[in-house]
Amino acid sequence: MGKTLQLEFILESLEQADTLAGLQAAAEALKCRFAVDHIAYTWVDSAGDQFGCGTYPRAWLQRYLEQNYLRIDPVVIGCFQRFQPVDWKQLDWSSKAARAFQLETLEYGLGNQGYSIPVRGPSGQFALFTVNHSCDDDSWAAFAREYRRDLILIAHFLNEKALELEPERTREIAQPLSPREVDAMTLLAIGYSRAQVAASLSISEHTLRVYIESARFKLGALNTTHAVARALSQGLIVV
């Protein structure tokens, strides 16, 4: 299956999830599709309530909650200060508590490599989408390079879906995109670079930037990747 078709299949599977159990099934399918040890999605809202789905061992999740590891987890602490995806090796594991925490994750079957994508939503919601695996650094770097864009789209799409399923959340009404904005977002979604999009639409990259920023504003997105994910999840574009 081609990479674009594979991404489309994944997003369609997420779109079909209409319960929290469906999101759990989608996380398990993502683990298989990317051939990694674990997939995890976790959110924390402004009230401090947590929700998650994924493939981490149940014993580890119970241990994490019992020990309130949220307060010392370098992944959560590091990603809360970032907007961009981060490899776990870039985080601060220097404290005694962090090193002990890392050793314990390995004991419970988590991999030695991780890649986490922070996502911010309405009313103070903060979420993390994580891919976790056991392998050497070079193999992991190659994986991250190949799938970085796909993982970002999936993270935002999954978060949109989780928000949809939150009982107290009122679904936002999507602002319509102009035909040119739809064209630009669609081509970006299927993997075109900005230069390729501009050439395909016979416009300058400056004009393309105007369309992208306009679409991003309408979608309430943090960046272009988030805008593409929101346009996909709201059905404003189809790939």
Protein backbone atom coordinates (compact mmCIF):
# COMPACT_ATOMS: atom_id res chain seq x y z
CA MET A 1 0.00 0.00 0.00
CA GLY A 2 1.40 3.41 -0.96
CA LYS A 3 2.23 5.84 1.80
CA THR A 4 -0.54 8.33 0.86
CA LEU A 5 -3.12 5.55 0.62
CA GLN A 6 -1.91 4.14 3.94
CA LEU A 7 -2.40 7.51 5.65
CA GLU A 8 -5.85 7.88 4.08
CA PHE A 9 -6.81 4.41 5.36
CA ILE A 10 -5.63 5.31 8.89
CA LEU A 11 -7.57 8.59 8.95
CA GLU A 12 -10.70 6.87 7.62
CA SER A 13 -10.41 4.27 10.40
CA LEU A 14 -10.19 7.03 13.00
CA GLU A 15 -13.15 8.82 11.47
CA GLN A 16 -15.26 5.68 11.86
CA ALA A 17 -14.53 5.50 15.60
CA ASP A 18 -17.69 6.74 17.32
CA THR A 19 -16.96 5.65 20.91
CA LEU A 20 -13.99 5.81 23.26
CA ALA A 21 -13.68 2.04 22.80
CA GLY A 22 -13.41 2.74 19.09
CA LEU A 23 -10.46 5.04 19.73
CA GLN A 24 -8.81 2.26 21.73
CA ALA A 25 -9.27 -0.12 18.79
CA ALA A 26 -7.83 2.53 16.48
CA ALA A 27 -4.75 2.87 18.70
CA GLU A 28 -4.21 -0.88 18.57
CA ALA A 29 -4.54 -0.82 14.77
CA LEU A 30 -1.99 2.03 14.56
CA LYS A 31 0.48 -0.05 16.57
CA CYS A 32 0.22 -2.84 14.01
CA ARG A 33 0.31 -0.56 10.98
CA PHE A 34 3.48 1.22 12.10
CA ALA A 35 5.00 -2.01 13.50
CA VAL A 36 5.96 -0.42 16.82
CA ASP A 37 5.78 -1.65 20.41
CA HIS A 38 3.25 0.89 21.66
CA ILE A 39 0.93 3.72 20.68
CA ALA A 40 -0.46 6.02 23.37
CA TYR A 41 -2.81 8.99 23.42
CA THR A 42 -3.35 10.90 26.67
CA TRP A 43 -5.13 14.12 27.46
CA VAL A 44 -5.34 16.33 30.53
CA ASP A 45 -8.06 18.98 30.70
CA SER A 46 -8.09 22.26 32.62
CA ALA A 47 -9.66 20.51 35.63
CA GLY A 48 -6.83 17.98 35.74
CA ASP A 49 -8.96 15.06 34.57
CA GLN A 50 -7.10 12.50 32.46
CA PHE A 51 -8.21 10.24 29.65
CA GLY A 52 -6.15 7.90 27.55
CA CYS A 53 -6.13 5.07 25.08
CA GLY A 54 -3.29 2.98 23.78
CA THR A 55 -1.31 -0.19 24.11
CA TYR A 56 0.82 0.33 27.21
CA PRO A 57 0.57 -2.61 29.68
CA ARG A 58 -2.34 -2.23 32.10
CA ALA A 59 0.02 -2.85 35.03
CA TRP A 60 2.12 0.14 33.96
CA LEU A 61 -0.90 2.42 33.64
CA GLN A 62 -2.03 1.43 37.12
CA ARG A 63 1.45 2.00 38.50
CA TYR A 64 1.68 5.40 36.76
CA LEU A 65 -1.58 6.58 38.33
CA GLU A 66 -0.83 5.16 41.77
CA GLN A 67 2.55 6.90 41.92
CA ASN A 68 1.21 10.10 40.34
CA TYR A 69 4.07 9.98 37.83
CA LEU A 70 2.44 12.80 35.87
CA ARG A 71 4.31 15.20 38.17
CA ILE A 72 7.79 13.84 37.28
CA ASP A 73 7.35 12.32 33.81
CA PRO A 74 9.99 14.06 31.61
CA VAL A 75 7.84 13.44 28.53
CA VAL A 76 4.81 15.26 29.94
CA ILE A 77 6.91 18.03 31.48
CA GLY A 78 9.02 18.50 28.34
CA CYS A 79 6.13 18.40 25.89
CA PHE A 80 4.00 20.80 27.92
CA GLN A 81 6.65 23.42 27.18
CA ARG A 82 6.70 22.67 23.45
CA PHE A 83 4.46 22.90 20.41
CA GLN A 84 6.57 20.73 18.12
CA PRO A 85 7.09 16.93 18.13
CA VAL A 86 9.96 15.76 20.26
CA ASP A 87 12.18 12.71 20.40
CA TRP A 88 12.51 11.47 23.96
CA LYS A 89 16.31 11.72 23.73
CA GLN A 90 15.92 15.51 23.50
CA LEU A 91 14.20 15.66 26.88
CA ASP A 92 15.80 16.16 30.30
CA TRP A 93 16.31 12.80 32.01
CA SER A 94 19.14 14.04 34.24
CA SER A 95 17.37 14.07 37.62
CA LYS A 96 17.51 11.05 39.92
CA ALA A 97 13.70 10.75 39.81
CA ALA A 98 13.64 10.88 36.00
CA ARG A 99 16.35 8.22 35.67
CA ALA A 100 14.53 5.92 38.09
CA PHE A 101 11.29 6.54 36.18
CA GLN A 102 13.00 5.63 32.89
CA LEU A 103 14.37 2.37 34.30
CA GLU A 104 10.94 1.47 35.58
CA THR A 105 9.33 2.05 32.17
CA LEU A 106 11.73 -0.53 30.71
CA GLU A 107 10.86 -3.00 33.47
CA TYR A 108 7.19 -2.69 32.55
CA GLY A 109 7.81 -3.39 28.87
CA LEU A 110 8.01 0.07 27.34
CA GLY A 111 10.58 0.60 24.61
CA ASN A 112 13.78 2.59 24.92
CA GLN A 113 12.74 5.00 22.15
CA GLY A 114 9.87 7.45 22.07
CA TYR A 115 8.44 10.19 19.87
CA SER A 116 5.72 12.42 21.31
CA ILE A 117 3.53 15.06 19.70
CA PRO A 118 1.92 17.69 21.97
CA VAL A 119 -1.56 18.87 21.03
CA ARG A 120 -3.44 21.77 22.55
CA GLY A 121 -7.21 22.08 22.41
CA PRO A 122 -9.97 24.32 23.75
CA SER A 123 -10.46 25.31 27.40
CA GLY A 124 -6.95 24.38 28.47
CA GLN A 125 -6.95 20.85 27.08
CA PHE A 126 -3.48 19.36 26.60
CA ALA A 127 -2.88 16.03 24.91
CA LEU A 128 0.04 13.84 23.91
CA PHE A 129 0.26 11.33 21.09
CA THR A 130 3.22 8.98 21.53
CA VAL A 131 4.91 6.26 19.52
CA ASN A 132 7.13 3.99 21.59
CA HIS A 133 9.52 1.26 20.43
CA SER A 134 12.67 -0.74 21.22
CA CYS A 135 15.47 -0.32 18.68
CA ASP A 136 18.82 1.40 18.13
CA ASP A 137 19.12 5.16 17.68
CA ASP A 138 19.81 5.08 13.93
CA SER A 139 16.77 2.93 13.18
CA TRP A 140 14.58 5.18 15.31
CA ALA A 141 15.90 8.34 13.64
CA ALA A 142 15.07 6.84 10.24
CA PHE A 143 11.55 5.94 11.42
CA ALA A 144 10.94 9.46 12.74
CA ARG A 145 12.17 11.05 9.51
CA GLU A 146 9.93 8.85 7.37
CA TYR A 147 6.74 9.12 9.41
CA ARG A 148 7.00 12.48 11.18
CA ARG A 149 4.39 14.23 9.03
CA ASP A 150 1.96 11.30 9.13
CA LEU A 151 2.24 11.05 12.92
CA ILE A 152 1.53 14.77 13.35
CA LEU A 153 -1.60 14.52 11.23
CA ILE A 154 -2.76 11.42 13.10
CA ALA A 155 -2.14 13.09 16.48
CA HIS A 156 -4.29 16.11 15.65
CA PHE A 157 -6.94 14.01 13.96
CA LEU A 158 -7.13 11.67 16.96
CA ASN A 159 -7.42 14.63 19.32
CA GLU A 160 -10.25 16.11 17.26
CA LYS A 161 -12.04 12.78 17.42
CA ALA A 162 -11.55 12.49 21.19
CA LEU A 163 -12.96 16.00 21.67
CA GLU A 164 -15.94 15.06 19.52
CA LEU A 165 -16.68 12.16 21.83
CA GLU A 166 -16.37 14.23 25.00
CA PRO A 167 -19.97 14.38 26.25
CA GLU A 168 -19.92 17.97 27.49
CA ARG A 169 -18.25 19.40 24.42
CA THR A 170 -20.30 21.29 21.88
CA ARG A 171 -19.08 20.59 18.38
CA GLU A 172 -17.60 23.63 16.70
CA ILE A 173 -19.19 24.81 13.47
CA ALA A 174 -16.59 24.74 10.74
CA GLN A 175 -16.08 27.90 8.73
CA PRO A 176 -16.18 27.16 5.01
CA LEU A 177 -12.91 27.37 3.11
CA SER A 178 -12.67 29.09 -0.25
CA PRO A 179 -12.10 26.88 -3.32
CA ARG A 180 -8.44 27.95 -3.46
CA GLU A 181 -7.97 27.23 0.25
CA VAL A 182 -9.50 23.79 -0.26
CA ASP A 183 -7.13 23.13 -3.17
CA ALA A 184 -4.10 24.23 -1.16
CA MET A 185 -5.04 22.21 1.94
CA THR A 186 -5.82 19.13 -0.15
CA LEU A 187 -2.47 19.15 -1.93
CA LEU A 188 -0.62 19.67 1.35
CA ALA A 189 -2.57 16.78 2.88
CA ILE A 190 -1.44 14.37 0.17
CA GLY A 191 2.19 15.28 0.69
CA TYR A 192 3.02 18.07 -1.74
CA SER A 193 5.65 20.60 -0.68
CA ARG A 194 4.71 24.28 -0.73
CA ALA A 195 6.67 24.74 -3.96
CA GLN A 196 4.80 21.83 -5.57
CA VAL A 197 1.44 23.18 -4.39
CA ALA A 198 2.20 26.63 -5.79
CA ALA A 199 3.28 25.15 -9.12
CA SER A 200 0.18 22.92 -9.32
CA LEU A 201 -2.11 25.90 -8.68
CA SER A 202 -0.09 28.22 -10.94
CA ILE A 203 0.37 30.78 -8.17
CA SER A 204 3.37 32.23 -6.36
CA GLU A 205 4.51 30.84 -3.03
CA HIS A 206 3.65 34.24 -1.50
CA THR A 207 0.03 33.92 -2.69
CA LEU A 208 -0.05 30.34 -1.46
CA ARG A 209 1.08 31.53 1.96
CA VAL A 210 -1.90 33.92 2.05
CA TYR A 211 -4.31 31.06 1.30
CA ILE A 212 -2.71 28.82 3.93
CA GLU A 213 -2.76 31.51 6.64
CA SER A 214 -6.38 32.33 5.83
CA ALA A 215 -7.35 28.67 6.11
CA ARG A 216 -5.38 28.31 9.33
CA PHE A 217 -7.21 31.29 10.85
CA LYS A 218 -10.63 29.93 9.85
CA LEU A 219 -9.77 26.52 11.31
CA GLY A 220 -8.36 27.92 14.55
CA ALA A 221 -5.17 25.95 13.92
CA LEU A 222 -1.78 26.42 15.57
CA ASN A 223 0.18 25.79 12.39
CA THR A 224 -0.17 24.46 8.85
CA THR A 225 -0.02 20.80 9.85
CA HIS A 226 -2.72 21.35 12.45
CA ALA A 227 -4.80 23.20 9.83
CA VAL A 228 -4.57 20.24 7.45
CA ALA A 229 -5.56 17.83 10.23
CA ARG A 230 -8.54 19.97 11.25
CA ALA A 231 -9.67 20.37 7.64
CA LEU A 232 -9.54 16.60 7.21
CA SER A 233 -11.30 15.82 10.50
CA GLN A 234 -14.08 18.35 9.79
CA GLY A 235 -14.64 17.01 6.28
CA LEU A 236 -13.63 20.26 4.60
CA ILE A 237 -11.13 18.43 2.39
CA VAL A 238 -10.99 14.84 1.20
CA VAL A 239 -7.82 13.00 0.16
